[in-house]
C-alpha atoms as a PDB file:
ATOM      1  CA  MET A   1     148.260 -97.048-107.294  1.00  0.00           C
ATOM      2  CA  THR A   2     151.675 -95.571-108.050  1.00  0.00           C
ATOM      3  CA  THR A   3     152.229 -93.488-111.155  1.00  0.00           C
ATOM      4  CA  PRO A   4     154.590 -95.155-113.633  1.00  0.00           C
ATOM      5  CA  GLN A   5     157.739 -93.233-114.566  1.00  0.00           C
ATOM      6  CA  GLY A   6     157.508 -91.716-118.056  1.00  0.00           C
ATOM      7  CA  GLN A   7     160.107 -92.437-120.709  1.00  0.00           C
ATOM      8  CA  LYS A   8     160.901 -90.001-123.530  1.00  0.00           C
ATOM      9  CA  SER A   9     161.810 -91.062-127.028  1.00  0.00           C
ATOM     10  CA  THR A  10     165.528 -91.132-127.776  1.00  0.00           C
ATOM     11  CA  TYR A  11     164.699 -89.040-130.864  1.00  0.00           C
ATOM     12  CA  SER A  12     163.507 -86.099-128.737  1.00  0.00           C
ATOM     13  CA  GLY A  13     166.955 -84.943-127.637  1.00  0.00           C
ATOM     14  CA  HIS A  14     167.012 -82.629-124.628  1.00  0.00           C
ATOM     15  CA  GLY A  15     163.958 -80.566-125.604  1.00  0.00           C
ATOM     16  CA  SER A  16     160.436 -80.942-124.354  1.00  0.00           C
ATOM     17  CA  ASN A  17     158.862 -81.577-127.770  1.00  0.00           C
ATOM     18  CA  CYS A  18     158.114 -85.233-127.377  1.00  0.00           C
ATOM     19  CA  VAL A  19     155.713 -87.910-126.307  1.00  0.00           C
ATOM     20  CA  GLU A  20     156.298 -89.873-123.105  1.00  0.00           C
ATOM     21  CA  THR A  21     155.192 -93.435-122.471  1.00  0.00           C
ATOM     22  CA  ALA A  22     155.163 -95.463-119.277  1.00  0.00           C
ATOM     23  CA  ALA A  23     154.471 -99.153-119.860  1.00  0.00           C
ATOM     24  CA  THR A  24     152.825-101.227-117.150  1.00  0.00           C
ATOM     25  CA  PRO A  25     151.551-104.820-117.395  1.00  0.00           C
ATOM     26  CA  THR A  26     147.981-103.627-118.031  1.00  0.00           C
ATOM     27  CA  MET A  27     148.299-100.310-119.896  1.00  0.00           C
ATOM     28  CA  VAL A  28     150.617 -97.967-121.764  1.00  0.00           C
ATOM     29  CA  PRO A  29     149.827 -94.352-120.882  1.00  0.00           C
ATOM     30  CA  VAL A  30     150.990 -91.801-123.468  1.00  0.00           C
ATOM     31  CA  ARG A  31     151.260 -88.068-122.818  1.00  0.00           C
ATOM     32  CA  ASP A  32     152.588 -84.879-124.376  1.00  0.00           C
ATOM     33  CA  SER A  33     155.671 -83.774-122.447  1.00  0.00           C
ATOM     34  CA  LYS A  34     154.790 -80.105-123.042  1.00  0.00           C
ATOM     35  CA  ALA A  35     151.409 -80.511-121.321  1.00  0.00           C
ATOM     36  CA  LEU A  36     152.105 -82.698-118.288  1.00  0.00           C
ATOM     37  CA  PRO A  37     149.026 -81.677-116.274  1.00  0.00           C
ATOM     38  CA  GLU A  38     146.754 -82.553-119.193  1.00  0.00           C
ATOM     39  CA  PRO A  39     145.059 -85.959-119.455  1.00  0.00           C
ATOM     40  CA  HIS A  40     146.869 -88.779-121.188  1.00  0.00           C
ATOM     41  CA  LEU A  41     145.812 -91.549-123.536  1.00  0.00           C
ATOM     42  CA  ALA A  42     146.099 -95.151-122.372  1.00  0.00           C
ATOM     43  CA  PHE A  43     146.321 -98.222-124.581  1.00  0.00           C
ATOM     44  CA  PRO A  44     146.382-101.952-123.851  1.00  0.00           C
ATOM     45  CA  PRO A  45     149.946-103.269-124.332  1.00  0.00           C
ATOM     46  CA  SER A  46     148.930-105.383-127.349  1.00  0.00           C
ATOM     47  CA  VAL A  47     147.458-102.349-129.140  1.00  0.00           C
ATOM     48  CA  TRP A  48     150.570-100.260-128.376  1.00  0.00           C
ATOM     49  CA  ALA A  49     152.807-103.067-129.706  1.00  0.00           C
ATOM     50  CA  ASP A  50     150.756-103.178-132.933  1.00  0.00           C
ATOM     51  CA  PHE A  51     151.095 -99.399-133.292  1.00  0.00           C
ATOM     52  CA  LEU A  52     154.888 -99.551-132.804  1.00  0.00           C
ATOM     53  CA  ALA A  53     155.219-102.389-135.325  1.00  0.00           C
ATOM     54  CA  HIS A  54     153.246-100.384-137.887  1.00  0.00           C
ATOM     55  CA  ALA A  55     155.188 -97.169-137.193  1.00  0.00           C
ATOM     56  CA  ALA A  56     158.506 -99.016-137.622  1.00  0.00           C
ATOM     57  CA  LYS A  57     157.644-100.113-141.160  1.00  0.00           C
ATOM     58  CA  PRO A  58     159.502 -98.298-143.930  1.00  0.00           C
ATOM     59  CA  GLY A  59     157.669 -95.209-145.144  1.00  0.00           C
ATOM     60  CA  HIS A  60     156.018 -94.349-141.827  1.00  0.00           C
END
């Protein structure tokens, strides 16, 4: 299995203080860009989409 390429948030600028995601058809791994060797979290795409929809609501 190949490792998906991580994508940083556009809000992170050029620093390393951010979260990276790498969507695949079956999972969305999420990791801290400051701790790359550390384990990551992985969510089903539907759960990640629900999280993003909630986070995009005003006041979050």
